[in-house]
Every structure is written in structure tokens, then in C-alpha cells.
Full PDB file with SEQRES, HELIX, SHEET, SSBOND, CRYST1, ORIGX, SCALE, CONECT and MASTER records, all heavy atoms in Angstrom:
SEQRES   1 A   41  PRO GLY LEU LEU ALA ASN ALA GLN PHE LEU ALA VAL ALA          
SEQRES   2 A   41  ASP VAL THR ALA PRO LEU LEU ARG VAL THR SER GLY ALA          
SEQRES   3 A   41  GLU ALA MET ALA LEU ILE LEU SER SER GLU ARG VAL PHE          
SEQRES   4 A   41  ALA ASP                                                      
HELIX    1 AA1 LEU A    3  LEU A   20  1                                  18    
HELIX    2 AA2 GLY A   25  LEU A   33  1                                   9    
HELIX    3 AA3 GLU A   36  ALA A   40  1                                   5    
CRYST1    1.000    1.000    1.000  90.00  90.00  90.00 P 1           1          
ORIGX1      1.000000  0.000000  0.000000        0.00000                         
ORIGX2      0.000000  1.000000  0.000000        0.00000                         
ORIGX3      0.000000  0.000000  1.000000        0.00000                         
SCALE1      1.000000  0.000000  0.000000        0.00000                         
SCALE2      0.000000  1.000000  0.000000        0.00000                         
SCALE3      0.000000  0.000000  1.000000        0.00000                         
ATOM      1  N   PRO A   1      -6.086 -17.812 -33.929  1.00  0.00           N  
ATOM      2  CA  PRO A   1      -5.926 -16.513 -34.606  1.00  0.00           C  
ATOM      3  C   PRO A   1      -6.701 -15.403 -33.902  1.00  0.00           C  
ATOM      4  O   PRO A   1      -7.883 -15.540 -33.608  1.00  0.00           O  
ATOM      5  CB  PRO A   1      -6.509 -16.796 -35.993  1.00  0.00           C  
ATOM      6  CG  PRO A   1      -6.331 -18.260 -36.193  1.00  0.00           C  
ATOM      7  CD  PRO A   1      -6.529 -18.876 -34.828  1.00  0.00           C  
ATOM      8  N   GLY A   2      -6.004 -14.333 -33.596  1.00  0.00           N  
ATOM      9  CA  GLY A   2      -6.647 -13.194 -32.958  1.00  0.00           C  
ATOM     10  C   GLY A   2      -6.757 -13.283 -31.454  1.00  0.00           C  
ATOM     11  O   GLY A   2      -7.095 -12.300 -30.798  1.00  0.00           O  
ATOM     12  N   LEU A   3      -6.485 -14.461 -30.884  1.00  0.00           N  
ATOM     13  CA  LEU A   3      -6.659 -14.617 -29.437  1.00  0.00           C  
ATOM     14  C   LEU A   3      -5.697 -13.719 -28.666  1.00  0.00           C  
ATOM     15  O   LEU A   3      -6.083 -13.067 -27.701  1.00  0.00           O  
ATOM     16  CB  LEU A   3      -6.450 -16.084 -29.050  1.00  0.00           C  
ATOM     17  CG  LEU A   3      -6.812 -16.504 -27.608  1.00  0.00           C  
ATOM     18  CD1 LEU A   3      -7.182 -17.980 -27.590  1.00  0.00           C  
ATOM     19  CD2 LEU A   3      -5.675 -16.252 -26.632  1.00  0.00           C  
ATOM     20  N   LEU A   4      -4.424 -13.685 -29.071  1.00  0.00           N  
ATOM     21  CA  LEU A   4      -3.450 -12.875 -28.349  1.00  0.00           C  
ATOM     22  C   LEU A   4      -3.794 -11.398 -28.440  1.00  0.00           C  
ATOM     23  O   LEU A   4      -3.700 -10.667 -27.451  1.00  0.00           O  
ATOM     24  CB  LEU A   4      -2.044 -13.124 -28.897  1.00  0.00           C  
ATOM     25  CG  LEU A   4      -0.928 -12.321 -28.211  1.00  0.00           C  
ATOM     26  CD1 LEU A   4      -0.883 -12.618 -26.716  1.00  0.00           C  
ATOM     27  CD2 LEU A   4       0.428 -12.623 -28.859  1.00  0.00           C  
ATOM     28  N   ALA A   5      -4.204 -10.938 -29.639  1.00  0.00           N  
ATOM     29  CA  ALA A   5      -4.562  -9.528 -29.800  1.00  0.00           C  
ATOM     30  C   ALA A   5      -5.726  -9.165 -28.880  1.00  0.00           C  
ATOM     31  O   ALA A   5      -5.719  -8.100 -28.245  1.00  0.00           O  
ATOM     32  CB  ALA A   5      -4.922  -9.240 -31.253  1.00  0.00           C  
ATOM     33  N   ASN A   6      -6.718 -10.035 -28.808  1.00  0.00           N  
ATOM     34  CA  ASN A   6      -7.860  -9.768 -27.938  1.00  0.00           C  
ATOM     35  C   ASN A   6      -7.441  -9.783 -26.473  1.00  0.00           C  
ATOM     36  O   ASN A   6      -7.878  -8.949 -25.674  1.00  0.00           O  
ATOM     37  CB  ASN A   6      -8.953 -10.812 -28.179  1.00  0.00           C  
ATOM     38  CG  ASN A   6     -10.241 -10.473 -27.467  1.00  0.00           C  
ATOM     39  OD1 ASN A   6     -10.836  -9.431 -27.699  1.00  0.00           O  
ATOM     40  ND2 ASN A   6     -10.679 -11.344 -26.567  1.00  0.00           N  
ATOM     41  N   ALA A   7      -6.583 -10.733 -26.122  1.00  0.00           N  
ATOM     42  CA  ALA A   7      -6.106 -10.815 -24.737  1.00  0.00           C  
ATOM     43  C   ALA A   7      -5.315  -9.569 -24.362  1.00  0.00           C  
ATOM     44  O   ALA A   7      -5.401  -9.075 -23.234  1.00  0.00           O  
ATOM     45  CB  ALA A   7      -5.246 -12.062 -24.554  1.00  0.00           C  
ATOM     46  N   GLN A   8      -4.530  -9.044 -25.304  1.00  0.00           N  
ATOM     47  CA  GLN A   8      -3.759  -7.834 -25.036  1.00  0.00           C  
ATOM     48  C   GLN A   8      -4.684  -6.650 -24.762  1.00  0.00           C  
ATOM     49  O   GLN A   8      -4.449  -5.862 -23.842  1.00  0.00           O  
ATOM     50  CB  GLN A   8      -2.844  -7.524 -26.226  1.00  0.00           C  
ATOM     51  CG  GLN A   8      -1.688  -8.495 -26.380  1.00  0.00           C  
ATOM     52  CD  GLN A   8      -0.911  -8.269 -27.657  1.00  0.00           C  
ATOM     53  OE1 GLN A   8      -1.470  -7.879 -28.681  1.00  0.00           O  
ATOM     54  NE2 GLN A   8       0.387  -8.525 -27.624  1.00  0.00           N  
ATOM     55  N   PHE A   9      -5.734  -6.546 -25.561  1.00  0.00           N  
ATOM     56  CA  PHE A   9      -6.683  -5.453 -25.376  1.00  0.00           C  
ATOM     57  C   PHE A   9      -7.361  -5.550 -24.013  1.00  0.00           C  
ATOM     58  O   PHE A   9      -7.481  -4.566 -23.284  1.00  0.00           O  
ATOM     59  CB  PHE A   9      -7.733  -5.486 -26.488  1.00  0.00           C  
ATOM     60  CG  PHE A   9      -8.800  -4.442 -26.358  1.00  0.00           C  
ATOM     61  CD1 PHE A   9      -8.579  -3.138 -26.776  1.00  0.00           C  
ATOM     62  CD2 PHE A   9     -10.037  -4.751 -25.798  1.00  0.00           C  
ATOM     63  CE1 PHE A   9      -9.556  -2.169 -26.636  1.00  0.00           C  
ATOM     64  CE2 PHE A   9     -11.021  -3.786 -25.660  1.00  0.00           C  
ATOM     65  CZ  PHE A   9     -10.777  -2.487 -26.083  1.00  0.00           C  
ATOM     66  N   LEU A  10      -7.806  -6.754 -23.658  1.00  0.00           N  
ATOM     67  CA  LEU A  10      -8.484  -6.941 -22.379  1.00  0.00           C  
ATOM     68  C   LEU A  10      -7.531  -6.703 -21.209  1.00  0.00           C  
ATOM     69  O   LEU A  10      -7.920  -6.159 -20.175  1.00  0.00           O  
ATOM     70  CB  LEU A  10      -9.074  -8.350 -22.300  1.00  0.00           C  
ATOM     71  CG  LEU A  10     -10.225  -8.642 -23.268  1.00  0.00           C  
ATOM     72  CD1 LEU A  10     -10.593 -10.116 -23.226  1.00  0.00           C  
ATOM     73  CD2 LEU A  10     -11.442  -7.780 -22.935  1.00  0.00           C  
ATOM     74  N   ALA A  11      -6.272  -7.108 -21.390  1.00  0.00           N  
ATOM     75  CA  ALA A  11      -5.298  -6.925 -20.313  1.00  0.00           C  
ATOM     76  C   ALA A  11      -5.024  -5.451 -20.061  1.00  0.00           C  
ATOM     77  O   ALA A  11      -4.846  -5.024 -18.914  1.00  0.00           O  
ATOM     78  CB  ALA A  11      -3.990  -7.643 -20.657  1.00  0.00           C  
ATOM     79  N   VAL A  12      -4.977  -4.647 -21.137  1.00  0.00           N  
ATOM     80  CA  VAL A  12      -4.810  -3.202 -20.978  1.00  0.00           C  
ATOM     81  C   VAL A  12      -5.951  -2.635 -20.137  1.00  0.00           C  
ATOM     82  O   VAL A  12      -5.736  -1.818 -19.220  1.00  0.00           O  
ATOM     83  CB  VAL A  12      -4.737  -2.507 -22.348  1.00  0.00           C  
ATOM     84  CG1 VAL A  12      -4.859  -0.992 -22.193  1.00  0.00           C  
ATOM     85  CG2 VAL A  12      -3.433  -2.848 -23.047  1.00  0.00           C  
ATOM     86  N   ALA A  13      -7.176  -3.065 -20.439  1.00  0.00           N  
ATOM     87  CA  ALA A  13      -8.330  -2.595 -19.660  1.00  0.00           C  
ATOM     88  C   ALA A  13      -8.232  -3.056 -18.210  1.00  0.00           C  
ATOM     89  O   ALA A  13      -8.563  -2.303 -17.280  1.00  0.00           O  
ATOM     90  CB  ALA A  13      -9.623  -3.101 -20.294  1.00  0.00           C  
ATOM     91  N   ASP A  14      -7.775  -4.275 -18.001  1.00  0.00           N  
ATOM     92  CA  ASP A  14      -7.668  -4.816 -16.644  1.00  0.00           C  
ATOM     93  C   ASP A  14      -6.754  -3.970 -15.762  1.00  0.00           C  
ATOM     94  O   ASP A  14      -7.049  -3.737 -14.580  1.00  0.00           O  
ATOM     95  CB  ASP A  14      -7.124  -6.251 -16.686  1.00  0.00           C  
ATOM     96  CG  ASP A  14      -8.136  -7.247 -17.238  1.00  0.00           C  
ATOM     97  OD1 ASP A  14      -9.348  -6.944 -17.224  1.00  0.00           O  
ATOM     98  OD2 ASP A  14      -7.704  -8.330 -17.677  1.00  0.00           O  
ATOM     99  N   VAL A  15      -5.634  -3.534 -16.328  1.00  0.00           N  
ATOM    100  CA  VAL A  15      -4.646  -2.844 -15.493  1.00  0.00           C  
ATOM    101  C   VAL A  15      -4.812  -1.327 -15.471  1.00  0.00           C  
ATOM    102  O   VAL A  15      -4.334  -0.668 -14.545  1.00  0.00           O  
ATOM    103  CB  VAL A  15      -3.197  -3.198 -15.924  1.00  0.00           C  
ATOM    104  CG1 VAL A  15      -2.949  -4.687 -15.802  1.00  0.00           C  
ATOM    105  CG2 VAL A  15      -2.915  -2.728 -17.339  1.00  0.00           C  
ATOM    106  N   THR A  16      -5.465  -0.770 -16.500  1.00  0.00           N  
ATOM    107  CA  THR A  16      -5.592   0.688 -16.517  1.00  0.00           C  
ATOM    108  C   THR A  16      -6.848   1.189 -15.819  1.00  0.00           C  
ATOM    109  O   THR A  16      -6.839   2.290 -15.253  1.00  0.00           O  
ATOM    110  CB  THR A  16      -5.586   1.229 -17.953  1.00  0.00           C  
ATOM    111  OG1 THR A  16      -6.627   0.606 -18.710  1.00  0.00           O  
ATOM    112  CG2 THR A  16      -4.248   0.979 -18.615  1.00  0.00           C  
ATOM    113  N   ALA A  17      -7.931   0.417 -15.845  1.00  0.00           N  
ATOM    114  CA  ALA A  17      -9.165   0.876 -15.207  1.00  0.00           C  
ATOM    115  C   ALA A  17      -8.953   1.233 -13.730  1.00  0.00           C  
ATOM    116  O   ALA A  17      -9.423   2.283 -13.278  1.00  0.00           O  
ATOM    117  CB  ALA A  17     -10.268  -0.162 -15.358  1.00  0.00           C  
ATOM    118  N   PRO A  18      -8.238   0.396 -12.956  1.00  0.00           N  
ATOM    119  CA  PRO A  18      -8.002   0.783 -11.552  1.00  0.00           C  
ATOM    120  C   PRO A  18      -7.218   2.081 -11.411  1.00  0.00           C  
ATOM    121  O   PRO A  18      -7.412   2.834 -10.452  1.00  0.00           O  
ATOM    122  CB  PRO A  18      -7.215  -0.408 -10.990  1.00  0.00           C  
ATOM    123  CG  PRO A  18      -7.599  -1.555 -11.854  1.00  0.00           C  
ATOM    124  CD  PRO A  18      -7.754  -0.960 -13.228  1.00  0.00           C  
ATOM    125  N   LEU A  19      -6.315   2.362 -12.367  1.00  0.00           N  
ATOM    126  CA  LEU A  19      -5.516   3.588 -12.290  1.00  0.00           C  
ATOM    127  C   LEU A  19      -6.361   4.824 -12.561  1.00  0.00           C  
ATOM    128  O   LEU A  19      -6.012   5.927 -12.138  1.00  0.00           O  
ATOM    129  CB  LEU A  19      -4.363   3.528 -13.293  1.00  0.00           C  
ATOM    130  CG  LEU A  19      -3.314   2.447 -13.057  1.00  0.00           C  
ATOM    131  CD1 LEU A  19      -2.287   2.460 -14.185  1.00  0.00           C  
ATOM    132  CD2 LEU A  19      -2.626   2.628 -11.716  1.00  0.00           C  
ATOM    133  N   LEU A  20      -7.465   4.639 -13.292  1.00  0.00           N  
ATOM    134  CA  LEU A  20      -8.328   5.775 -13.632  1.00  0.00           C  
ATOM    135  C   LEU A  20      -9.397   6.017 -12.571  1.00  0.00           C  
ATOM    136  O   LEU A  20     -10.098   7.024 -12.623  1.00  0.00           O  
ATOM    137  CB  LEU A  20      -9.002   5.531 -14.989  1.00  0.00           C  
ATOM    138  CG  LEU A  20      -8.048   5.402 -16.178  1.00  0.00           C  
ATOM    139  CD1 LEU A  20      -8.826   5.078 -17.443  1.00  0.00           C  
ATOM    140  CD2 LEU A  20      -7.238   6.680 -16.373  1.00  0.00           C  
ATOM    141  N   ARG A  21      -9.548   5.094 -11.643  1.00  0.00           N  
ATOM    142  CA  ARG A  21     -10.509   5.288 -10.548  1.00  0.00           C  
ATOM    143  C   ARG A  21      -9.919   6.267  -9.536  1.00  0.00           C  
ATOM    144  O   ARG A  21      -8.792   6.108  -9.095  1.00  0.00           O  
ATOM    145  CB  ARG A  21     -10.803   3.951  -9.857  1.00  0.00           C  
ATOM    146  CG  ARG A  21     -11.851   4.064  -8.763  1.00  0.00           C  
ATOM    147  CD  ARG A  21     -12.036   2.752  -8.046  1.00  0.00           C  
ATOM    148  NE  ARG A  21     -10.867   2.383  -7.268  1.00  0.00           N  
ATOM    149  CZ  ARG A  21     -10.826   1.318  -6.456  1.00  0.00           C  
ATOM    150  NH1 ARG A  21     -11.871   0.533  -6.350  1.00  0.00           N  
ATOM    151  NH2 ARG A  21      -9.726   1.050  -5.789  1.00  0.00           N  
ATOM    152  N   VAL A  22     -10.686   7.290  -9.194  1.00  0.00           N  
ATOM    153  CA  VAL A  22     -10.192   8.299  -8.258  1.00  0.00           C  
ATOM    154  C   VAL A  22     -11.029   8.299  -6.995  1.00  0.00           C  
ATOM    155  O   VAL A  22     -12.227   8.024  -7.014  1.00  0.00           O  
ATOM    156  CB  VAL A  22     -10.198   9.706  -8.895  1.00  0.00           C  
ATOM    157  CG1 VAL A  22      -9.326   9.729 -10.142  1.00  0.00           C  
ATOM    158  CG2 VAL A  22     -11.616  10.159  -9.248  1.00  0.00           C  
ATOM    159  N   THR A  23     -10.369   8.610  -5.888  1.00  0.00           N  
ATOM    160  CA  THR A  23     -11.062   8.683  -4.604  1.00  0.00           C  
ATOM    161  C   THR A  23     -10.884  10.051  -3.946  1.00  0.00           C  
ATOM    162  O   THR A  23     -11.368  10.267  -2.846  1.00  0.00           O  
ATOM    163  CB  THR A  23     -10.549   7.593  -3.647  1.00  0.00           C  
ATOM    164  OG1 THR A  23      -9.131   7.730  -3.477  1.00  0.00           O  
ATOM    165  CG2 THR A  23     -10.843   6.198  -4.207  1.00  0.00           C  
ATOM    166  N   SER A  24     -10.176  10.956  -4.615  1.00  0.00           N  
ATOM    167  CA  SER A  24      -9.960  12.291  -4.055  1.00  0.00           C  
ATOM    168  C   SER A  24      -9.842  13.303  -5.182  1.00  0.00           C  
ATOM    169  O   SER A  24      -9.571  12.947  -6.339  1.00  0.00           O  
ATOM    170  CB  SER A  24      -8.680  12.326  -3.209  1.00  0.00           C  
ATOM    171  OG  SER A  24      -7.528  12.206  -4.030  1.00  0.00           O  
ATOM    172  N   GLY A  25     -10.031  14.559  -4.832  1.00  0.00           N  
ATOM    173  CA  GLY A  25      -9.873  15.619  -5.809  1.00  0.00           C  
ATOM    174  C   GLY A  25      -8.459  15.678  -6.355  1.00  0.00           C  
ATOM    175  O   GLY A  25      -8.248  15.942  -7.542  1.00  0.00           O  
ATOM    176  N   ALA A  26      -7.474  15.398  -5.500  1.00  0.00           N  
ATOM    177  CA  ALA A  26      -6.078  15.431  -5.940  1.00  0.00           C  
ATOM    178  C   ALA A  26      -5.820  14.374  -7.000  1.00  0.00           C  
ATOM    179  O   ALA A  26      -5.109  14.613  -7.982  1.00  0.00           O  
ATOM    180  CB  ALA A  26      -5.140  15.237  -4.747  1.00  0.00           C  
ATOM    181  N   GLU A  27      -6.395  13.181  -6.820  1.00  0.00           N  
ATOM    182  CA  GLU A  27      -6.208  12.114  -7.803  1.00  0.00           C  
ATOM    183  C   GLU A  27      -6.878  12.475  -9.127  1.00  0.00           C  
ATOM    184  O   GLU A  27      -6.329  12.221 -10.204  1.00  0.00           O  
ATOM    185  CB  GLU A  27      -6.772  10.800  -7.261  1.00  0.00           C  
ATOM    186  CG  GLU A  27      -5.962  10.205  -6.125  1.00  0.00           C  
ATOM    187  CD  GLU A  27      -6.556   8.926  -5.587  1.00  0.00           C  
ATOM    188  OE1 GLU A  27      -7.717   8.584  -5.932  1.00  0.00           O  
ATOM    189  OE2 GLU A  27      -5.864   8.232  -4.810  1.00  0.00           O  
ATOM    190  N   ALA A  28      -8.059  13.058  -9.051  1.00  0.00           N  
ATOM    191  CA  ALA A  28      -8.764  13.461 -10.274  1.00  0.00           C  
ATOM    192  C   ALA A  28      -8.001  14.550 -11.010  1.00  0.00           C  
ATOM    193  O   ALA A  28      -7.839  14.497 -12.237  1.00  0.00           O  
ATOM    194  CB  ALA A  28     -10.172  13.942  -9.930  1.00  0.00           C  
ATOM    195  N   MET A  29      -7.519  15.540 -10.285  1.00  0.00           N  
ATOM    196  CA  MET A  29      -6.804  16.645 -10.921  1.00  0.00           C  
ATOM    197  C   MET A  29      -5.475  16.193 -11.508  1.00  0.00           C  
ATOM    198  O   MET A  29      -5.023  16.741 -12.520  1.00  0.00           O  
ATOM    199  CB  MET A  29      -6.589  17.776  -9.920  1.00  0.00           C  
ATOM    200  CG  MET A  29      -7.869  18.490  -9.499  1.00  0.00           C  
ATOM    201  SD  MET A  29      -8.775  19.198 -10.904  1.00  0.00           S  
ATOM    202  CE  MET A  29      -7.735  20.607 -11.302  1.00  0.00           C  
ATOM    203  N   ALA A  30      -4.830  15.193 -10.895  1.00  0.00           N  
ATOM    204  CA  ALA A  30      -3.581  14.680 -11.459  1.00  0.00           C  
ATOM    205  C   ALA A  30      -3.817  14.134 -12.861  1.00  0.00           C  
ATOM    206  O   ALA A  30      -3.009  14.358 -13.776  1.00  0.00           O  
ATOM    207  CB  ALA A  30      -3.012  13.590 -10.553  1.00  0.00           C  
ATOM    208  N   LEU A  31      -4.926  13.427 -13.053  1.00  0.00           N  
ATOM    209  CA  LEU A  31      -5.262  12.899 -14.376  1.00  0.00           C  
ATOM    210  C   LEU A  31      -5.626  14.028 -15.340  1.00  0.00           C  
ATOM    211  O   LEU A  31      -5.153  14.068 -16.481  1.00  0.00           O  
ATOM    212  CB  LEU A  31      -6.431  11.917 -14.262  1.00  0.00           C  
ATOM    213  CG  LEU A  31      -6.172  10.610 -13.522  1.00  0.00           C  
ATOM    214  CD1 LEU A  31      -7.470   9.820 -13.398  1.00  0.00           C  
ATOM    215  CD2 LEU A  31      -5.115   9.774 -14.235  1.00  0.00           C  
ATOM    216  N   ILE A  32      -6.466  14.935 -14.876  1.00  0.00           N  
ATOM    217  CA  ILE A  32      -6.959  16.021 -15.732  1.00  0.00           C  
ATOM    218  C   ILE A  32      -5.822  16.920 -16.209  1.00  0.00           C  
ATOM    219  O   ILE A  32      -5.726  17.264 -17.392  1.00  0.00           O  
ATOM    220  CB  ILE A  32      -8.022  16.847 -14.981  1.00  0.00           C  
ATOM    221  CG1 ILE A  32      -9.305  16.011 -14.800  1.00  0.00           C  
ATOM    222  CG2 ILE A  32      -8.334  18.152 -15.708  1.00  0.00           C  
ATOM    223  CD1 ILE A  32     -10.311  16.623 -13.850  1.00  0.00           C  
ATOM    224  N   LEU A  33      -4.931  17.280 -15.305  1.00  0.00           N  
ATOM    225  CA  LEU A  33      -3.889  18.259 -15.631  1.00  0.00           C  
ATOM    226  C   LEU A  33      -2.735  17.664 -16.440  1.00  0.00           C  
ATOM    227  O   LEU A  33      -1.916  18.409 -16.977  1.00  0.00           O  
ATOM    228  CB  LEU A  33      -3.354  18.898 -14.351  1.00  0.00           C  
ATOM    229  CG  LEU A  33      -4.351  19.750 -13.566  1.00  0.00           C  
ATOM    230  CD1 LEU A  33      -3.716  20.286 -12.295  1.00  0.00           C  
ATOM    231  CD2 LEU A  33      -4.883  20.895 -14.421  1.00  0.00           C  
ATOM    232  N   SER A  34      -2.667  16.334 -16.532  1.00  0.00           N  
ATOM    233  CA  SER A  34      -1.592  15.707 -17.311  1.00  0.00           C  
ATOM    234  C   SER A  34      -2.111  15.057 -18.583  1.00  0.00           C  
ATOM    235  O   SER A  34      -1.362  14.390 -19.299  1.00  0.00           O  
ATOM    236  CB  SER A  34      -0.867  14.655 -16.458  1.00  0.00           C  
ATOM    237  OG  SER A  34      -1.776  13.629 -16.033  1.00  0.00           O  
ATOM    238  N   SER A  35      -3.386  15.251 -18.886  1.00  0.00           N  
ATOM    239  CA  SER A  35      -4.008  14.610 -20.046  1.00  0.00           C  
ATOM    240  C   SER A  35      -3.957  15.507 -21.281  1.00  0.00           C  
ATOM    241  O   SER A  35      -4.500  16.611 -21.278  1.00  0.00           O  
ATOM    242  CB  SER A  35      -5.465  14.266 -19.730  1.00  0.00           C  
ATOM    243  OG  SER A  35      -6.165  13.877 -20.896  1.00  0.00           O  
ATOM    244  N   GLU A  36      -3.337  15.008 -22.352  1.00  0.00           N  
ATOM    245  CA  GLU A  36      -3.335  15.750 -23.608  1.00  0.00           C  
ATOM    246  C   GLU A  36      -4.736  15.800 -24.207  1.00  0.00           C  
ATOM    247  O   GLU A  36      -5.111  16.766 -24.872  1.00  0.00           O  
ATOM    248  CB  GLU A  36      -2.366  15.121 -24.606  1.00  0.00           C  
ATOM    249  CG  GLU A  36      -2.220  15.915 -25.890  1.00  0.00           C  
ATOM    250  CD  GLU A  36      -1.220  15.318 -26.854  1.00  0.00           C  
ATOM    251  OE1 GLU A  36      -0.684  14.225 -26.553  1.00  0.00           O  
ATOM    252  OE2 GLU A  36      -0.964  15.937 -27.902  1.00  0.00           O  
ATOM    253  N   ARG A  37      -5.536  14.751 -23.974  1.00  0.00           N  
ATOM    254  CA  ARG A  37      -6.913  14.733 -24.457  1.00  0.00           C  
ATOM    255  C   ARG A  37      -7.704  15.890 -23.850  1.00  0.00           C  
ATOM    256  O   ARG A  37      -8.427  16.610 -24.550  1.00  0.00           O  
ATOM    257  CB  ARG A  37      -7.581  13.397 -24.086  1.00  0.00           C  
ATOM    258  CG  ARG A  37      -7.054  12.199 -24.843  1.00  0.00           C  
ATOM    259  CD  ARG A  37      -7.328  10.897 -24.088  1.00  0.00           C  
ATOM    260  NE  ARG A  37      -8.747  10.671 -23.833  1.00  0.00           N  
ATOM    261  CZ  ARG A  37      -9.568  10.017 -24.661  1.00  0.00           C  
ATOM    262  NH1 ARG A  37      -9.108   9.532 -25.810  1.00  0.00           N  
ATOM    263  NH2 ARG A  37     -10.842   9.824 -24.351  1.00  0.00           N  
ATOM    264  N   VAL A  38      -7.569  16.066 -22.540  1.00  0.00           N  
ATOM    265  CA  VAL A  38      -8.262  17.155 -21.857  1.00  0.00           C  
ATOM    266  C   VAL A  38      -7.747  18.499 -22.353  1.00  0.00           C  
ATOM    267  O   VAL A  38      -8.529  19.426 -22.617  1.00  0.00           O  
ATOM    268  CB  VAL A  38      -8.101  17.031 -20.332  1.00  0.00           C  
ATOM    269  CG1 VAL A  38      -8.577  18.305 -19.628  1.00  0.00           C  
ATOM    270  CG2 VAL A  38      -8.871  15.825 -19.808  1.00  0.00           C  
ATOM    271  N   PHE A  39      -6.431  18.627 -22.480  1.00  0.00           N  
ATOM    272  CA  PHE A  39      -5.827  19.872 -22.962  1.00  0.00           C  
ATOM    273  C   PHE A  39      -6.397  20.258 -24.325  1.00  0.00           C  
ATOM    274  O   PHE A  39      -6.827  21.405 -24.543  1.00  0.00           O  
ATOM    275  CB  PHE A  39      -4.311  19.694 -23.049  1.00  0.00           C  
ATOM    276  CG  PHE A  39      -3.579  20.837 -23.686  1.00  0.00           C  
ATOM    277  CD1 PHE A  39      -3.527  22.088 -23.089  1.00  0.00           C  
ATOM    278  CD2 PHE A  39      -2.912  20.656 -24.894  1.00  0.00           C  
ATOM    279  CE1 PHE A  39      -2.841  23.141 -23.679  1.00  0.00           C  
ATOM    280  CE2 PHE A  39      -2.218  21.702 -25.496  1.00  0.00           C  
ATOM    281  CZ  PHE A  39      -2.185  22.945 -24.883  1.00  0.00           C  
ATOM    282  N   ALA A  40      -6.440  19.303 -25.251  1.00  0.00           N  
ATOM    283  CA  ALA A  40      -6.962  19.584 -26.590  1.00  0.00           C  
ATOM    284  C   ALA A  40      -8.435  19.957 -26.539  1.00  0.00           C  
ATOM    285  O   ALA A  40      -8.885  20.881 -27.239  1.00  0.00           O  
ATOM    286  CB  ALA A  40      -6.751  18.375 -27.491  1.00  0.00           C  
ATOM    287  N   ASP A  41      -9.197  19.267 -25.704  1.00  0.00           N  
ATOM    288  CA  ASP A  41     -10.630  19.555 -25.611  1.00  0.00           C  
ATOM    289  C   ASP A  41     -10.898  20.911 -24.979  1.00  0.00           C  
ATOM    290  O   ASP A  41     -11.846  21.609 -25.355  1.00  0.00           O  
ATOM    291  CB  ASP A  41     -11.335  18.458 -24.807  1.00  0.00           C  
ATOM    292  CG  ASP A  41     -11.445  17.151 -25.589  1.00  0.00           C  
ATOM    293  OD1 ASP A  41     -11.109  17.148 -26.791  1.00  0.00           O  
ATOM    294  OD2 ASP A  41     -11.858  16.134 -24.995  1.00  0.00           O  
TER     295      ASP A  41                                                      
MASTER        0    0    0    3    0    0    0    6  294    1    0    4          
END                                                                             
């Protein structure tokens, strides 16, 4: 019980963390300018 839900959460972190890592200003701005969270803030 709960194992699949926990695995799903961890898997989301596994695959999204690399996408959020930036190595250039262009990569950082792509995230910033398309983020609704940033827009609202």
C-alpha cells in the first residue's frame, strides 16, 4: 500500500530535476519566461 504512489512521486523528481538544471542564460530564461509561477510572483 502506497508504494506505487511514492514511486510515482520519486520518478517525477528523477526525470524533472535534470530538466531544471541550467548551464546557460538562455536555458534559465526559457524556464523563467514560460513559468506561470514566475509570472504570478
